[in-house]
């Protein structure tokens, strides 16, 4: 089977030669560790794992580079820098304070402190609207030529690169910050309705020219609207402000031939899943196990309407071979049933050794091929 045939068969609960082999990636600190532990084994890695990593047997995916961001971006600015931290404004207009210790290639060991955001009022949002307009520079310059190539593809084609086409909550949080956004749903409902409506229109206008030239296999809304204890907005707020716009965008995508639409969120979004399914969402990932959710739990609760990606607990990987085998065995029923692609539930952190990760990948490949007996030893 081709990689595209295998992906579609899995998503449609059909039999296949094996299930797809995908992963999200690693921390820069993890890469540095593995390059020390096993330099020859990782020498040929390109480290961008969404498109795949041949040396690890991952299936190929291709992501159409559509720019859903600000044009023009905000001017980047270093506001203050010391030996310990850096305060800067990025191209999204967000001011952060970043700890330098442990940083490798710009990747931090801890999250930045968020200090300021570009939208504080309706007037501020007017400037943002001017940066989110249709623009030919949002697309690959050779889109027509590429469309002819994509029509012959044998691997999944994805609209937008990961985290490039932010979802409704994600982008509102980038514009306002988590705390301000949490108040704005109640204090500024007119502004929030305007913002959600504008984002839906912007997305449809931006995605349209690509979808007129080629079909794609899936699209992901990046949201990250949940924490361990649940989502950062109530089902009522989600249903009032986001769900109607989400449904309209999903309907548009599927009318243009997009097979599946996914939502990416960490944490526990369980109470919002019925609303997302009602809006036409097919898939949730990465099923963060530290939030006390699991792929088997969601399959039992939501049935075959919800496809699942992720669900491999990154905290298990440093515990060694036996723990990894036992963890993967939990997923055998889902692999057999379909509609499930196991991956680590985020990028791989630096407490995971190369040996443990290599064992995990080998064991997972046995799982994907249906060789479940290999996980008994």
Protein backbone atom coordinates (compact mmCIF):
# COMPACT_ATOMS: atom_id res chain seq x y z
CA UNK A 1 0.00 0.00 0.00
CA UNK A 2 1.07 3.59 -0.49
CA UNK A 3 1.40 5.86 2.51
CA UNK A 4 -1.75 7.71 1.46
CA UNK A 5 -3.76 4.51 1.02
CA UNK A 6 -2.55 3.29 4.41
CA UNK A 7 -3.51 6.57 6.10
CA UNK A 8 -7.00 6.66 4.57
CA UNK A 9 -7.60 2.98 5.39
CA UNK A 10 -6.72 3.64 9.03
CA UNK A 11 -8.92 6.72 9.23
CA UNK A 12 -11.82 4.85 7.64
CA UNK A 13 -11.49 1.79 9.92
CA UNK A 14 -10.41 -0.47 7.08
CA UNK A 15 -7.76 -3.20 7.02
CA UNK A 16 -4.27 -2.40 5.74
CA UNK A 17 -0.76 -3.83 5.55
CA UNK A 18 -0.04 -1.83 8.74
CA UNK A 19 -1.07 1.34 10.51
CA UNK A 20 0.73 4.67 9.81
CA UNK A 21 3.93 5.47 11.69
CA UNK A 22 3.95 9.14 12.72
CA UNK A 23 5.66 11.18 15.45
CA UNK A 24 5.72 14.85 16.41
CA UNK A 25 9.41 15.52 17.08
CA UNK A 26 11.91 16.09 19.89
CA UNK A 27 13.15 18.92 22.06
CA UNK A 28 16.41 20.52 20.93
CA UNK A 29 17.84 19.31 24.26
CA UNK A 30 16.80 15.74 23.40
CA UNK A 31 18.52 16.01 20.04
CA UNK A 32 21.71 17.19 21.76
CA UNK A 33 21.54 14.22 24.16
CA UNK A 34 21.08 11.66 21.40
CA UNK A 35 23.84 13.18 19.28
CA UNK A 36 26.13 12.51 22.24
CA UNK A 37 24.75 9.05 23.08
CA UNK A 38 24.43 7.66 19.54
CA UNK A 39 26.05 9.99 17.00
CA UNK A 40 26.16 7.44 14.19
CA UNK A 41 22.55 6.31 14.69
CA UNK A 42 21.17 9.84 14.36
CA UNK A 43 23.71 11.23 11.89
CA UNK A 44 21.27 11.21 8.96
CA UNK A 45 18.25 12.57 10.82
CA UNK A 46 16.70 15.77 9.48
CA UNK A 47 14.75 16.15 12.78
CA UNK A 48 11.57 17.51 11.18
CA UNK A 49 9.30 14.61 12.07
CA UNK A 50 5.92 15.80 10.84
CA UNK A 51 6.98 15.11 7.21
CA UNK A 52 8.57 11.87 8.46
CA UNK A 53 12.00 10.48 9.35
CA UNK A 54 13.10 7.72 6.97
CA UNK A 55 15.78 6.40 9.32
CA UNK A 56 13.06 5.64 11.88
CA UNK A 57 10.60 4.11 9.41
CA UNK A 58 8.10 6.96 9.64
CA UNK A 59 5.50 7.43 6.93
CA UNK A 60 5.82 10.51 4.76
CA UNK A 61 3.42 13.44 4.94
CA UNK A 62 3.60 16.67 2.96
CA UNK A 63 2.47 20.04 4.31
CA UNK A 64 1.47 22.86 1.97
CA UNK A 65 3.26 26.00 3.25
CA UNK A 66 0.39 28.50 3.45
CA UNK A 67 1.12 31.59 5.53
CA UNK A 68 -1.89 32.20 7.80
CA UNK A 69 0.11 34.69 9.90
CA UNK A 70 0.49 38.45 10.02
CA UNK A 71 1.45 40.25 6.79
CA UNK A 72 3.23 42.41 7.59
CA UNK A 73 4.42 40.97 10.91
CA UNK A 74 5.15 43.20 13.85
CA UNK A 75 8.66 44.55 13.98
CA UNK A 76 10.73 42.33 16.24
CA UNK A 77 12.49 44.13 19.07
CA UNK A 78 14.85 43.26 21.91
CA UNK A 79 13.59 45.32 24.85
CA UNK A 80 16.03 44.13 27.52
CA UNK A 81 18.77 41.52 27.73
CA UNK A 82 20.91 40.34 30.61
CA UNK A 83 23.14 37.32 31.19
CA UNK A 84 20.12 35.49 32.61
CA UNK A 85 17.09 36.48 30.53
CA UNK A 86 15.85 38.13 27.33
CA UNK A 87 12.79 40.37 26.96
CA UNK A 88 11.65 40.81 23.37
CA UNK A 89 8.69 41.55 21.14
CA UNK A 90 8.16 38.95 18.40
CA UNK A 91 6.56 39.16 14.97
CA UNK A 92 3.13 38.52 16.50
CA UNK A 93 3.44 41.58 18.73
CA UNK A 94 3.81 39.48 21.90
CA UNK A 95 6.32 40.54 24.55
CA UNK A 96 7.94 37.68 26.48
CA UNK A 97 10.65 37.20 29.06
CA UNK A 98 12.76 34.12 28.33
CA UNK A 99 15.22 32.37 30.62
CA UNK A 100 18.50 31.79 28.80
CA UNK A 101 19.77 28.91 30.93
CA UNK A 102 19.53 25.57 29.11
CA UNK A 103 18.58 27.15 25.78
CA UNK A 104 19.71 25.24 22.68
CA UNK A 105 19.15 26.67 19.19
CA UNK A 106 16.46 28.97 20.53
CA UNK A 107 14.58 26.15 22.30
CA UNK A 108 13.96 26.88 25.99
CA UNK A 109 14.00 24.43 28.87
CA UNK A 110 10.93 26.17 30.33
CA UNK A 111 8.07 28.28 28.99
CA UNK A 112 8.54 32.00 28.56
CA UNK A 113 6.80 34.50 30.81
CA UNK A 114 4.22 36.42 28.76
CA UNK A 115 4.22 40.14 29.50
CA UNK A 116 2.20 41.98 26.86
CA UNK A 117 -0.11 41.32 23.91
CA UNK A 118 -1.16 43.37 20.87
CA UNK A 119 -4.94 43.55 21.47
CA UNK A 120 -6.32 45.34 24.50
CA UNK A 121 -9.35 47.00 22.90
CA UNK A 122 -11.55 47.06 19.81
CA UNK A 123 -9.30 49.76 18.36
CA UNK A 124 -6.27 47.50 18.66
CA UNK A 125 -8.09 44.76 16.77
CA UNK A 126 -8.52 47.11 13.79
CA UNK A 127 -4.73 47.03 13.27
CA UNK A 128 -4.73 43.24 13.48
CA UNK A 129 -7.42 42.99 10.81
CA UNK A 130 -5.13 44.89 8.46
CA UNK A 131 -2.43 42.25 8.94
CA UNK A 132 -4.77 39.33 8.22
CA UNK A 133 -5.90 39.99 4.67
CA UNK A 134 -5.74 37.97 1.43
CA UNK A 135 -2.29 38.28 -0.08
CA UNK A 136 -0.60 36.35 -2.92
CA UNK A 137 2.52 36.13 -0.77
CA UNK A 138 0.71 33.69 1.50
CA UNK A 139 1.12 30.87 -1.02
CA UNK A 140 3.97 28.91 -2.60
CA UNK A 141 5.06 30.80 -5.73
CA UNK A 142 4.70 27.65 -7.84
CA UNK A 143 1.25 26.64 -6.58
CA UNK A 144 -0.13 25.68 -10.01
CA UNK A 145 2.88 23.53 -10.89
CA UNK A 146 2.81 21.92 -7.45
CA UNK A 147 -0.88 21.09 -7.81
CA UNK A 148 -0.10 18.93 -10.83
CA UNK A 149 2.48 17.03 -8.78
CA UNK A 150 0.15 16.68 -5.79
CA UNK A 151 -2.54 15.14 -7.98
CA UNK A 152 -0.20 12.14 -8.38
CA UNK A 153 0.83 11.91 -4.72
CA UNK A 154 1.16 8.62 -2.87
CA UNK A 155 1.37 10.19 0.61
CA UNK A 156 -1.04 12.34 2.70
CA UNK A 157 -1.16 16.01 1.74
CA UNK A 158 -1.93 18.48 4.55
CA UNK A 159 -3.17 22.06 4.29
CA UNK A 160 -0.78 24.32 6.20
CA UNK A 161 2.23 23.51 8.29
CA UNK A 162 1.80 22.49 11.92
CA UNK A 163 0.92 25.46 14.15
CA UNK A 164 0.74 27.76 11.10
CA UNK A 165 -3.05 27.93 10.78
CA UNK A 166 -3.96 28.59 14.39
CA UNK A 167 -7.44 27.82 15.62
CA UNK A 168 -9.97 30.26 17.00
CA UNK A 169 -8.97 30.02 20.66
CA UNK A 170 -5.24 29.82 19.89
CA UNK A 171 -5.19 32.99 17.82
CA UNK A 172 -7.41 34.91 20.27
CA UNK A 173 -5.03 33.91 23.07
CA UNK A 174 -2.07 35.12 21.02
CA UNK A 175 -3.82 38.43 20.48
CA UNK A 176 -4.97 39.00 24.08
CA UNK A 177 -3.26 36.55 26.45
CA UNK A 178 -4.94 33.81 28.48
CA UNK A 179 -6.10 35.98 31.39
CA UNK A 180 -7.40 38.87 29.27
CA UNK A 181 -9.15 36.45 26.91
CA UNK A 182 -10.81 34.67 29.83
CA UNK A 183 -12.40 37.97 30.88
CA UNK A 184 -13.14 39.15 27.34
CA UNK A 185 -15.70 36.40 26.62
CA UNK A 186 -17.83 38.05 29.36
CA UNK A 187 -16.71 41.69 29.39
CA UNK A 188 -16.35 42.25 25.63
CA UNK A 189 -18.79 39.84 23.92
CA UNK A 190 -19.28 42.14 20.92
CA UNK A 191 -15.53 42.26 20.29
CA UNK A 192 -15.20 38.49 20.68
CA UNK A 193 -18.05 37.78 18.24
CA UNK A 194 -16.41 40.19 15.80
CA UNK A 195 -13.03 38.51 16.26
CA UNK A 196 -14.34 34.96 15.82
CA UNK A 197 -16.36 35.95 12.74
CA UNK A 198 -13.37 37.72 11.22
CA UNK A 199 -11.07 34.76 11.84
CA UNK A 200 -13.52 32.39 10.14
CA UNK A 201 -13.75 34.64 7.09
CA UNK A 202 -9.98 35.12 6.98
CA UNK A 203 -9.37 31.41 7.08
CA UNK A 204 -11.88 30.64 4.33
CA UNK A 205 -10.51 33.43 2.13
CA UNK A 206 -6.93 32.27 2.65
CA UNK A 207 -7.51 28.54 2.26
CA UNK A 208 -9.78 28.91 -0.77
CA UNK A 209 -7.16 29.53 -3.49
CA UNK A 210 -5.22 26.43 -2.45
CA UNK A 211 -8.28 24.20 -2.29
CA UNK A 212 -9.35 25.39 -5.75
CA UNK A 213 -6.10 23.95 -7.16
CA UNK A 214 -5.74 20.68 -5.23
CA UNK A 215 -7.50 18.31 -2.86
CA UNK A 216 -5.89 17.70 0.52
CA UNK A 217 -6.20 14.81 2.93
CA UNK A 218 -6.49 16.71 6.20
CA UNK A 219 -6.21 20.00 8.03
CA UNK A 220 -5.46 20.69 11.70
CA UNK A 221 -6.81 23.48 13.88
CA UNK A 222 -4.12 24.15 16.49
CA UNK A 223 -5.97 25.15 19.66
CA UNK A 224 -4.27 24.12 22.94
CA UNK A 225 -7.32 25.28 24.89
CA UNK A 226 -7.13 22.76 27.72
CA UNK A 227 -5.16 22.16 30.89
CA UNK A 228 -4.95 19.03 33.06
CA UNK A 229 -8.19 19.86 34.88
CA UNK A 230 -10.15 20.68 31.73
CA UNK A 231 -10.59 23.37 29.05
CA UNK A 232 -9.81 27.05 29.57
CA UNK A 233 -13.30 28.02 28.46
CA UNK A 234 -16.67 26.50 29.31
CA UNK A 235 -18.78 24.44 26.89
CA UNK A 236 -21.31 27.29 26.93
CA UNK A 237 -18.66 29.84 25.94
CA UNK A 238 -17.31 27.51 23.27
CA UNK A 239 -20.80 26.90 21.87
CA UNK A 240 -21.60 30.63 21.88
CA UNK A 241 -18.47 32.05 20.28
CA UNK A 242 -16.44 29.34 18.55
CA UNK A 243 -18.56 26.36 17.52
CA UNK A 244 -20.77 28.13 14.92
CA UNK A 245 -17.69 29.55 13.19
CA UNK A 246 -15.85 26.25 13.45
CA UNK A 247 -18.77 24.44 11.82
CA UNK A 248 -18.84 26.95 8.95
CA UNK A 249 -15.11 26.55 8.30
CA UNK A 250 -15.26 22.75 8.54
CA UNK A 251 -18.21 22.68 6.14
CA UNK A 252 -16.20 24.81 3.73
CA UNK A 253 -13.12 22.59 3.99
CA UNK A 254 -15.06 19.41 3.36
CA UNK A 255 -16.99 20.99 0.48
CA UNK A 256 -13.59 21.57 -1.14
CA UNK A 257 -12.48 17.97 -0.77
CA UNK A 258 -10.65 17.96 2.57
CA UNK A 259 -11.17 14.41 3.88
CA UNK A 260 -10.57 14.91 7.59
CA UNK A 261 -10.31 17.86 9.98
CA UNK A 262 -8.37 17.55 13.25
CA UNK A 263 -8.01 19.59 16.43
CA UNK A 264 -4.69 19.71 18.27
CA UNK A 265 -4.93 20.46 21.98
CA UNK A 266 -2.98 19.44 25.03
CA UNK A 267 -4.71 18.84 28.35
CA UNK A 268 -8.19 17.41 28.85
CA UNK A 269 -10.78 18.75 26.35
CA UNK A 270 -13.27 15.92 27.00
CA UNK A 271 -16.30 18.13 27.77
CA UNK A 272 -15.79 20.03 24.50
CA UNK A 273 -15.47 16.95 22.28
CA UNK A 274 -19.24 16.57 21.67
CA UNK A 275 -19.35 20.17 20.44
CA UNK A 276 -16.37 19.60 18.17
CA UNK A 277 -17.87 16.40 16.75
CA UNK A 278 -21.13 18.25 16.12
CA UNK A 279 -19.13 20.86 14.17
CA UNK A 280 -17.65 18.14 11.94
CA UNK A 281 -14.26 17.52 13.58
CA UNK A 282 -12.92 14.02 12.90
CA UNK A 283 -9.78 13.78 15.03
CA UNK A 284 -8.36 14.97 18.36
CA UNK A 285 -4.66 14.78 19.23
CA UNK A 286 -2.19 14.32 20.95
CA UNK A 287 -4.22 12.86 23.91
CA UNK A 288 -1.95 14.02 26.72
CA UNK A 289 -1.78 11.22 29.27
CA UNK A 290 -0.60 13.46 32.12
CA UNK A 291 -4.10 14.97 31.97
CA UNK A 292 -5.69 11.63 32.90
CA UNK A 293 -7.17 11.01 29.45
CA UNK A 294 -6.52 8.00 27.23
CA UNK A 295 -7.36 6.87 23.70
CA UNK A 296 -9.26 3.83 24.97
CA UNK A 297 -11.32 6.02 27.30
CA UNK A 298 -12.27 8.35 24.46
CA UNK A 299 -13.08 5.48 22.08
CA UNK A 300 -15.44 3.98 24.66
CA UNK A 301 -17.03 7.36 25.31
CA UNK A 302 -17.32 8.74 21.76
CA UNK A 303 -17.25 5.67 19.54
CA UNK A 304 -16.04 5.56 15.95
CA UNK A 305 -17.02 9.15 15.18
CA UNK A 306 -13.80 10.30 16.86
CA UNK A 307 -10.49 9.29 15.34
CA UNK A 308 -7.51 9.42 17.67
CA UNK A 309 -3.85 10.34 17.22
CA UNK A 310 -1.26 10.26 19.99
CA UNK A 311 -1.84 8.71 23.41
CA UNK A 312 1.66 7.31 24.08
CA UNK A 313 2.69 8.61 27.50
CA UNK A 314 6.10 10.30 27.21
CA UNK A 315 6.59 9.71 30.94
CA UNK A 316 6.67 5.93 30.32
CA UNK A 317 9.55 6.00 27.83
CA UNK A 318 12.36 6.58 30.38
CA UNK A 319 11.12 3.59 32.42
CA UNK A 320 12.62 0.98 30.10
CA UNK A 321 11.63 -1.96 27.93
CA UNK A 322 9.08 -3.70 30.15
CA UNK A 323 7.13 -0.53 30.92
CA UNK A 324 7.10 0.44 27.24
CA UNK A 325 5.80 -2.98 26.16
CA UNK A 326 3.05 -2.98 28.78
CA UNK A 327 2.02 0.53 27.79
CA UNK A 328 1.84 -0.29 24.08
CA UNK A 329 -0.13 -3.48 24.72
CA UNK A 330 -2.98 -1.32 26.02
CA UNK A 331 -3.39 -0.03 22.46
CA UNK A 332 -3.79 -3.37 20.67
CA UNK A 333 -7.63 -3.17 20.45
CA UNK A 334 -7.45 0.29 18.93
CA UNK A 335 -4.80 -0.73 16.39
CA UNK A 336 -6.99 -3.64 15.33
CA UNK A 337 -10.11 -1.49 15.13
CA UNK A 338 -8.54 1.42 13.23
CA UNK A 339 -9.08 5.14 13.46
CA UNK A 340 -6.04 5.39 15.75
CA UNK A 341 -2.44 6.42 15.09
CA UNK A 342 -0.22 6.06 18.19
CA UNK A 343 2.42 8.73 18.74
CA UNK A 344 4.17 10.18 21.78
CA UNK A 345 1.74 12.66 23.33
CA UNK A 346 3.96 15.63 22.50
CA UNK A 347 7.55 16.17 21.42
CA UNK A 348 10.02 13.83 23.14
CA UNK A 349 11.65 15.44 26.22
CA UNK A 350 15.35 15.13 27.16
CA UNK A 351 14.84 12.62 29.98
CA UNK A 352 14.32 9.97 27.25
CA UNK A 353 17.55 8.23 26.27
CA UNK A 354 18.28 7.17 22.71
CA UNK A 355 18.20 3.50 23.74
CA UNK A 356 14.75 3.84 25.29
CA UNK A 357 13.39 5.75 22.31
CA UNK A 358 14.86 3.27 19.84
CA UNK A 359 13.24 0.42 21.78
CA UNK A 360 9.92 2.26 21.76
CA UNK A 361 10.05 2.78 17.99
CA UNK A 362 10.92 -0.87 17.36
CA UNK A 363 8.13 -2.06 19.65
CA UNK A 364 5.67 0.38 18.09
CA UNK A 365 6.49 -0.86 14.60
CA UNK A 366 5.61 -4.38 15.73
CA UNK A 367 2.34 -3.02 17.08
CA UNK A 368 1.58 -1.20 13.81
CA UNK A 369 2.10 -4.35 11.73
CA UNK A 370 -0.13 -6.46 14.01
CA UNK A 371 2.76 -8.47 15.40
CA UNK A 372 1.36 -8.30 18.91
CA UNK A 373 3.30 -11.36 20.11
CA UNK A 374 6.50 -9.32 19.82
CA UNK A 375 5.25 -7.20 22.71
CA UNK A 376 5.08 -10.24 25.01
CA UNK A 377 8.85 -10.62 25.34
